[in-house]
Amino acid sequence: MQEVKRKKEESFESLLRRFNRRLQQSGKIIEVKQNKFFEKEPNKNKKKASALVRNKIRAKKEYLRKTGKLPDEFDEKGRRIKIKIKV
């Protein structure tokens, strides 16, 4: 943690400005922001399981699209609506 002592006759705003500048120069803010959204790398089994689920869903969507049972629905802006498919 950075420490800043108040100088004689120094306003609170200038003290806060000095503190913020010193905190940015130390790199602590960037370090905290990087750690905020850190996720552990999934293990090998989880990667394989999620890949199998993705392939299953992709194959099922492709089958439904080829047979004509998967409707292409669009919203008012012309974007295709995502359809949830149970595996």
C-alpha atoms as a PDB file:
ATOM      1  CA  MET A   1       0.000   0.000   0.000  1.00  0.00           C
ATOM      2  CA  GLN A   2       1.250   3.445  -0.876  1.00  0.00           C
ATOM      3  CA  GLU A   3       1.642   6.015   1.871  1.00  0.00           C
ATOM      4  CA  VAL A   4       1.388   9.738   1.352  1.00  0.00           C
ATOM      5  CA  LYS A   5       1.809  12.190   4.198  1.00  0.00           C
ATOM      6  CA  ARG A   6       0.019  15.485   4.103  1.00  0.00           C
ATOM      7  CA  LYS A   7       2.315  18.456   3.593  1.00  0.00           C
ATOM      8  CA  LYS A   8       1.868  21.616   5.571  1.00  0.00           C
ATOM      9  CA  GLU A   9      -0.914  23.827   4.150  1.00  0.00           C
ATOM     10  CA  GLU A  10      -1.786  21.182   1.528  1.00  0.00           C
ATOM     11  CA  SER A  11      -5.402  20.787   0.487  1.00  0.00           C
ATOM     12  CA  PHE A  12      -7.133  17.440   0.588  1.00  0.00           C
ATOM     13  CA  GLU A  13      -7.624  17.441  -3.201  1.00  0.00           C
ATOM     14  CA  SER A  14      -3.901  17.803  -3.902  1.00  0.00           C
ATOM     15  CA  LEU A  15      -3.131  15.106  -1.317  1.00  0.00           C
ATOM     16  CA  LEU A  16      -5.593  12.775  -3.000  1.00  0.00           C
ATOM     17  CA  ARG A  17      -4.143  13.619  -6.429  1.00  0.00           C
ATOM     18  CA  ARG A  18      -0.614  12.786  -5.227  1.00  0.00           C
ATOM     19  CA  PHE A  19      -1.841   9.531  -3.709  1.00  0.00           C
ATOM     20  CA  ASN A  20      -3.629   8.489  -6.915  1.00  0.00           C
ATOM     21  CA  ARG A  21      -0.599   9.330  -9.046  1.00  0.00           C
ATOM     22  CA  ARG A  22       1.714   7.315  -6.809  1.00  0.00           C
ATOM     23  CA  LEU A  23      -0.722   4.404  -6.792  1.00  0.00           C
ATOM     24  CA  GLN A  24      -0.863   4.362 -10.605  1.00  0.00           C
ATOM     25  CA  GLN A  25       2.914   4.544 -10.913  1.00  0.00           C
ATOM     26  CA  SER A  26       3.341   1.573  -8.574  1.00  0.00           C
ATOM     27  CA  GLY A  27       1.249  -0.617 -10.921  1.00  0.00           C
ATOM     28  CA  LYS A  28      -1.037  -1.924  -8.174  1.00  0.00           C
ATOM     29  CA  ILE A  29      -4.239  -0.852  -9.957  1.00  0.00           C
ATOM     30  CA  ILE A  30      -3.345  -2.791 -13.115  1.00  0.00           C
ATOM     31  CA  GLU A  31      -2.369  -5.824 -11.047  1.00  0.00           C
ATOM     32  CA  VAL A  32      -5.694  -5.809  -9.185  1.00  0.00           C
ATOM     33  CA  LYS A  33      -7.688  -5.437 -12.415  1.00  0.00           C
ATOM     34  CA  GLN A  34      -5.862  -8.402 -13.953  1.00  0.00           C
ATOM     35  CA  ASN A  35      -6.533 -10.596 -10.912  1.00  0.00           C
ATOM     36  CA  LYS A  36     -10.197  -9.590 -10.706  1.00  0.00           C
ATOM     37  CA  PHE A  37     -11.304 -11.759 -13.628  1.00  0.00           C
ATOM     38  CA  PHE A  38      -8.718 -14.543 -13.298  1.00  0.00           C
ATOM     39  CA  GLU A  39     -10.063 -18.018 -13.995  1.00  0.00           C
ATOM     40  CA  LYS A  40      -8.181 -21.216 -13.430  1.00  0.00           C
ATOM     41  CA  GLU A  41      -7.370 -23.278 -16.503  1.00  0.00           C
ATOM     42  CA  PRO A  42      -9.904 -26.146 -16.713  1.00  0.00           C
ATOM     43  CA  ASN A  43      -8.422 -29.603 -16.369  1.00  0.00           C
ATOM     44  CA  LYS A  44      -8.151 -32.108 -19.211  1.00  0.00           C
ATOM     45  CA  ASN A  45     -11.384 -33.965 -18.411  1.00  0.00           C
ATOM     46  CA  LYS A  46     -13.479 -30.782 -18.286  1.00  0.00           C
ATOM     47  CA  LYS A  47     -12.049 -29.622 -21.624  1.00  0.00           C
ATOM     48  CA  LYS A  48     -12.928 -32.956 -23.240  1.00  0.00           C
ATOM     49  CA  ALA A  49     -16.432 -32.976 -21.744  1.00  0.00           C
ATOM     50  CA  SER A  50     -17.228 -29.458 -22.933  1.00  0.00           C
ATOM     51  CA  ALA A  51     -15.860 -30.266 -26.402  1.00  0.00           C
ATOM     52  CA  LEU A  52     -18.107 -33.345 -26.612  1.00  0.00           C
ATOM     53  CA  VAL A  53     -21.162 -31.308 -25.608  1.00  0.00           C
ATOM     54  CA  ARG A  54     -20.339 -28.638 -28.216  1.00  0.00           C
ATOM     55  CA  ASN A  55     -19.969 -31.282 -30.930  1.00  0.00           C
ATOM     56  CA  LYS A  56     -23.260 -32.929 -29.928  1.00  0.00           C
ATOM     57  CA  ILE A  57     -25.156 -29.631 -30.061  1.00  0.00           C
ATOM     58  CA  ARG A  58     -23.531 -28.684 -33.375  1.00  0.00           C
ATOM     59  CA  ALA A  59     -24.463 -32.051 -34.913  1.00  0.00           C
ATOM     60  CA  LYS A  60     -28.044 -31.838 -33.644  1.00  0.00           C
ATOM     61  CA  LYS A  61     -28.475 -28.294 -34.998  1.00  0.00           C
ATOM     62  CA  GLU A  62     -27.057 -29.330 -38.363  1.00  0.00           C
ATOM     63  CA  TYR A  63     -29.441 -32.309 -38.540  1.00  0.00           C
ATOM     64  CA  LEU A  64     -32.459 -30.145 -37.646  1.00  0.00           C
ATOM     65  CA  ARG A  65     -31.397 -27.497 -40.177  1.00  0.00           C
ATOM     66  CA  LYS A  66     -31.042 -30.091 -42.970  1.00  0.00           C
ATOM     67  CA  THR A  67     -34.417 -31.673 -42.213  1.00  0.00           C
ATOM     68  CA  GLY A  68     -36.087 -28.261 -42.076  1.00  0.00           C
ATOM     69  CA  LYS A  69     -37.197 -28.531 -38.456  1.00  0.00           C
ATOM     70  CA  LEU A  70     -35.003 -25.675 -37.255  1.00  0.00           C
ATOM     71  CA  PRO A  71     -36.807 -22.436 -38.086  1.00  0.00           C
ATOM     72  CA  ASP A  72     -34.788 -19.343 -38.910  1.00  0.00           C
ATOM     73  CA  GLU A  73     -36.501 -16.727 -36.764  1.00  0.00           C
ATOM     74  CA  PHE A  74     -35.441 -13.102 -36.939  1.00  0.00           C
ATOM     75  CA  ASP A  75     -36.144 -10.189 -34.605  1.00  0.00           C
ATOM     76  CA  GLU A  76     -37.298  -6.732 -35.706  1.00  0.00           C
ATOM     77  CA  LYS A  77     -33.721  -5.629 -36.492  1.00  0.00           C
ATOM     78  CA  GLY A  78     -33.078  -8.584 -38.799  1.00  0.00           C
ATOM     79  CA  ARG A  79     -30.812 -10.517 -36.438  1.00  0.00           C
ATOM     80  CA  ARG A  80     -31.286 -14.263 -36.095  1.00  0.00           C
ATOM     81  CA  ILE A  81     -32.700 -15.359 -32.739  1.00  0.00           C
ATOM     82  CA  LYS A  82     -30.650 -17.980 -30.906  1.00  0.00           C
ATOM     83  CA  ILE A  83     -32.571 -21.170 -30.261  1.00  0.00           C
ATOM     84  CA  LYS A  84     -31.743 -23.331 -27.246  1.00  0.00           C
ATOM     85  CA  ILE A  85     -31.431 -27.033 -28.040  1.00  0.00           C
ATOM     86  CA  LYS A  86     -31.442 -29.678 -25.323  1.00  0.00           C
ATOM     87  CA  VAL A  87     -28.869 -32.429 -25.691  1.00  0.00           C
END
